[in-house]
């Protein structure tokens, strides 16, 4: 089972990019842009963690966090905000935040902080995905083959993660491009095929099946 996150951010450009990046890192992401929707989902759905912006339409992020805590919702919460004074941080932690990340930020830092929060909360017990000889640990982001850690570049790992979290299902080339490059507007999408070629050589070309005119599918091999 993959880790499910609640991403609450009303800046469409930022939220789209961060959602794509998190998906590329193997998370399942529910994105909401409205405070009332965020409050409802946080109270009624189960998440490994939440990324919560403070400045939201209809209901402020701080009020949402306080309502979650008052209703005994103990999911780890990473506040994501432009409010960067020390008093803002104190207010966030007093409201029940587990961590605080100020914009602008690098998405990899957000992922590292989220994984640390999830690890401490113990919400990662079922975070492993197995596909034949491949095993993906959604909490650590690590990948193993036949019990041995795979030595992959960051792009190769994102690509393989996007495939294993949808094992057996054809994944479009556009989705893979977004998963690999998500936050990097300057990346050349054409290099996806180069990364795919290197990855297939490392783990066996038979594990990743090309779908002509569409994308790829991870089929795995018998363990």
Protein backbone atom coordinates (compact mmCIF):
# COMPACT_ATOMS: atom_id res chain seq x y z
CA UNK A 1 0.00 0.00 0.00
CA UNK A 2 1.31 3.45 -0.90
CA UNK A 3 1.26 6.40 1.47
CA UNK A 4 -1.69 8.76 1.02
CA UNK A 5 -1.16 12.48 1.60
CA UNK A 6 -3.51 15.43 1.89
CA UNK A 7 -2.06 18.46 0.10
CA UNK A 8 -3.83 21.74 0.92
CA UNK A 9 -2.57 24.63 -1.23
CA UNK A 10 -4.55 27.25 -3.19
CA UNK A 11 -1.69 28.48 -5.38
CA UNK A 12 -2.46 26.47 -8.52
CA UNK A 13 1.00 26.71 -10.03
CA UNK A 14 2.70 25.59 -6.82
CA UNK A 15 0.12 22.93 -5.93
CA UNK A 16 0.22 21.32 -9.38
CA UNK A 17 4.00 21.13 -9.35
CA UNK A 18 4.24 19.87 -5.79
CA UNK A 19 1.53 17.28 -6.39
CA UNK A 20 3.38 15.95 -9.45
CA UNK A 21 6.63 15.82 -7.50
CA UNK A 22 5.05 13.93 -4.59
CA UNK A 23 3.41 11.47 -6.99
CA UNK A 24 6.80 10.93 -8.60
CA UNK A 25 8.15 10.11 -5.15
CA UNK A 26 5.53 7.36 -4.78
CA UNK A 27 2.85 9.09 -2.72
CA UNK A 28 -0.87 9.09 -3.45
CA UNK A 29 -1.93 12.73 -3.20
CA UNK A 30 -5.37 14.27 -2.61
CA UNK A 31 -5.11 17.93 -3.57
CA UNK A 32 -7.60 20.51 -2.26
CA UNK A 33 -7.48 24.28 -2.65
CA UNK A 34 -10.31 25.34 -0.32
CA UNK A 35 -10.26 25.49 3.47
CA UNK A 36 -13.69 23.96 4.01
CA UNK A 37 -12.83 20.97 1.81
CA UNK A 38 -9.55 20.51 3.64
CA UNK A 39 -11.27 20.55 7.01
CA UNK A 40 -13.80 17.92 5.89
CA UNK A 41 -11.23 15.56 4.36
CA UNK A 42 -8.93 15.81 7.35
CA UNK A 43 -11.79 14.87 9.66
CA UNK A 44 -13.24 12.03 7.57
CA UNK A 45 -10.39 10.42 5.62
CA UNK A 46 -7.24 8.58 6.66
CA UNK A 47 -3.90 10.08 5.62
CA UNK A 48 -0.28 9.31 6.43
CA UNK A 49 0.33 13.08 6.65
CA UNK A 50 -0.93 16.48 5.50
CA UNK A 51 0.81 19.43 3.87
CA UNK A 52 -1.16 22.50 4.92
CA UNK A 53 -0.93 26.05 3.59
CA UNK A 54 -2.12 28.74 6.00
CA UNK A 55 -3.57 31.37 3.66
CA UNK A 56 -6.63 29.63 2.18
CA UNK A 57 -10.03 30.65 0.80
CA UNK A 58 -13.04 30.26 3.12
CA UNK A 59 -11.10 29.01 6.15
CA UNK A 60 -7.60 29.79 7.40
CA UNK A 61 -5.13 26.93 7.66
CA UNK A 62 -4.49 27.62 11.33
CA UNK A 63 -8.21 27.23 12.08
CA UNK A 64 -8.26 23.98 10.11
CA UNK A 65 -5.33 22.59 12.08
CA UNK A 66 -6.89 23.57 15.40
CA UNK A 67 -10.17 21.90 14.41
CA UNK A 68 -8.37 18.69 13.45
CA UNK A 69 -6.59 18.57 16.79
CA UNK A 70 -9.73 19.40 18.76
CA UNK A 71 -11.40 16.43 17.05
CA UNK A 72 -8.50 14.11 17.98
CA UNK A 73 -7.15 13.87 14.44
CA UNK A 74 -3.47 13.14 15.03
CA UNK A 75 -2.15 12.89 11.45
CA UNK A 76 1.29 14.51 11.06
CA UNK A 77 0.97 18.03 9.63
CA UNK A 78 3.64 19.96 7.76
CA UNK A 79 2.74 23.64 7.51
CA UNK A 80 3.70 25.22 4.20
CA UNK A 81 3.54 29.01 4.25
CA UNK A 82 5.11 32.35 3.41
CA UNK A 83 4.66 33.47 7.02
CA UNK A 84 8.24 33.29 8.25
CA UNK A 85 8.50 35.19 11.53
CA UNK A 86 9.37 33.41 14.75
CA UNK A 87 5.95 34.32 16.19
CA UNK A 88 4.28 32.69 13.17
CA UNK A 89 6.24 29.50 13.80
CA UNK A 90 5.32 29.49 17.49
CA UNK A 91 1.64 29.94 16.60
CA UNK A 92 1.82 27.07 14.14
CA UNK A 93 3.36 24.66 16.61
CA UNK A 94 0.95 25.71 19.34
CA UNK A 95 -1.95 24.99 16.98
CA UNK A 96 -0.66 21.43 16.55
CA UNK A 97 1.77 21.48 13.63
CA UNK A 98 4.50 18.84 13.56
CA UNK A 99 6.84 20.77 11.25
CA UNK A 100 6.99 24.14 9.49
CA UNK A 101 8.39 24.86 6.00
CA UNK A 102 8.65 28.41 4.66
CA UNK A 103 8.17 29.31 0.98
CA UNK A 104 10.08 29.32 -1.28
CA UNK A 105 11.37 25.80 -0.70
CA UNK A 106 12.86 22.88 -2.58
CA UNK A 107 10.38 20.00 -3.05
CA UNK A 108 12.96 17.41 -2.02
CA UNK A 109 13.15 19.07 1.40
CA UNK A 110 9.37 18.78 1.73
CA UNK A 111 9.58 15.06 0.92
CA UNK A 112 12.36 14.47 3.45
CA UNK A 113 10.43 16.29 6.15
CA UNK A 114 7.24 14.38 5.36
CA UNK A 115 8.99 11.02 5.50
CA UNK A 116 10.56 11.93 8.83
CA UNK A 117 7.14 12.90 10.22
CA UNK A 118 5.55 9.69 8.94
CA UNK A 119 8.38 7.58 10.31
CA UNK A 120 8.01 9.11 13.76
CA UNK A 121 4.24 8.70 13.71
CA UNK A 122 4.41 4.99 12.85
CA UNK A 123 2.05 5.43 9.87
CA UNK A 124 4.26 3.47 7.48
CA UNK A 125 3.64 -0.14 8.48
CA UNK A 126 2.11 -1.09 5.11
CA UNK A 127 4.16 1.16 2.86
CA UNK A 128 5.96 -1.53 0.83
CA UNK A 129 5.06 -2.51 -2.72
CA UNK A 130 6.34 -5.76 -4.22
CA UNK A 131 6.40 -6.48 -7.94
CA UNK A 132 8.20 -9.71 -8.71
CA UNK A 133 11.79 -9.30 -7.57
CA UNK A 134 11.39 -5.56 -7.01
CA UNK A 135 10.43 -4.06 -3.64
CA UNK A 136 9.67 -0.40 -3.06
CA UNK A 137 9.59 1.09 0.45
CA UNK A 138 7.21 4.06 0.31
CA UNK A 139 8.43 5.41 3.64
CA UNK A 140 12.14 5.58 2.87
CA UNK A 141 11.83 5.85 -0.91
CA UNK A 142 14.27 2.95 -1.27
CA UNK A 143 14.15 0.34 -4.02
CA UNK A 144 15.48 -3.25 -3.81
CA UNK A 145 15.85 -6.01 -6.35
CA UNK A 146 16.09 -9.60 -5.11
CA UNK A 147 16.73 -8.22 -1.62
CA UNK A 148 19.61 -5.98 -2.66
CA UNK A 149 19.44 -2.15 -2.79
CA UNK A 150 19.34 -0.77 -6.31
CA UNK A 151 21.84 1.95 -7.13
CA UNK A 152 19.75 4.44 -9.10
CA UNK A 153 20.06 8.11 -9.97
CA UNK A 154 17.37 10.45 -8.64
CA UNK A 155 15.63 10.52 -12.05
CA UNK A 156 15.82 6.74 -12.43
CA UNK A 157 14.34 6.26 -8.97
CA UNK A 158 11.47 8.66 -9.68
CA UNK A 159 10.76 6.89 -12.95
CA UNK A 160 10.75 3.42 -11.41
CA UNK A 161 8.67 4.67 -8.48
CA UNK A 162 6.04 6.04 -10.85
CA UNK A 163 5.86 2.62 -12.50
CA UNK A 164 5.88 0.39 -9.41
CA UNK A 165 3.15 2.40 -7.67
CA UNK A 166 1.01 1.50 -10.71
CA UNK A 167 2.42 -1.98 -11.27
CA UNK A 168 0.77 -3.94 -14.04
CA UNK A 169 -0.94 -0.82 -15.41
CA UNK A 170 0.12 1.09 -18.53
CA UNK A 171 1.43 4.51 -17.51
CA UNK A 172 1.39 7.28 -20.10
CA UNK A 173 4.58 8.96 -21.22
CA UNK A 174 3.18 12.35 -20.16
CA UNK A 175 2.54 11.08 -16.65
CA UNK A 176 6.06 9.68 -16.43
CA UNK A 177 7.53 12.98 -17.63
CA UNK A 178 5.59 14.84 -14.93
CA UNK A 179 6.67 12.32 -12.29
CA UNK A 180 10.34 12.56 -13.22
CA UNK A 181 10.67 16.27 -13.87
CA UNK A 182 7.60 17.64 -12.06
CA UNK A 183 9.10 20.71 -10.40
CA UNK A 184 11.86 21.43 -12.91
CA UNK A 185 10.60 23.61 -15.75
CA UNK A 186 14.02 23.63 -17.43
CA UNK A 187 14.31 19.85 -17.75
CA UNK A 188 14.22 18.41 -21.28
CA UNK A 189 11.31 16.01 -21.50
CA UNK A 190 12.99 14.28 -24.46
CA UNK A 191 15.61 12.86 -22.12
CA UNK A 192 12.97 10.56 -20.59
CA UNK A 193 13.86 7.89 -23.14
CA UNK A 194 17.54 8.15 -22.17
CA UNK A 195 16.69 7.65 -18.50
CA UNK A 196 14.35 4.77 -19.36
CA UNK A 197 17.05 3.07 -21.41
CA UNK A 198 19.56 3.28 -18.53
CA UNK A 199 16.97 2.03 -16.06
CA UNK A 200 16.00 -0.96 -18.19
CA UNK A 201 19.65 -1.94 -18.54
CA UNK A 202 20.09 -1.84 -14.76
CA UNK A 203 17.05 -3.93 -13.82
CA UNK A 204 16.47 -6.04 -16.98
CA UNK A 205 14.59 -4.82 -20.07
CA UNK A 206 11.92 -7.48 -19.59
CA UNK A 207 10.63 -5.89 -16.37
CA UNK A 208 9.48 -2.68 -18.07
CA UNK A 209 7.26 -3.25 -21.07
CA UNK A 210 6.91 -0.48 -23.69
CA UNK A 211 3.37 0.29 -24.84
CA UNK A 212 3.61 1.56 -28.41
CA UNK A 213 2.30 5.10 -28.82
CA UNK A 214 1.41 5.42 -25.12
CA UNK A 215 4.02 4.72 -22.47
CA UNK A 216 5.29 1.85 -20.31
CA UNK A 217 4.12 -0.83 -17.91
CA UNK A 218 6.01 -2.50 -15.05
CA UNK A 219 5.35 -6.24 -15.27
CA UNK A 220 8.02 -7.58 -12.93
CA UNK A 221 9.63 -10.99 -12.96
CA UNK A 222 8.93 -14.04 -10.76
CA UNK A 223 10.53 -13.65 -7.33
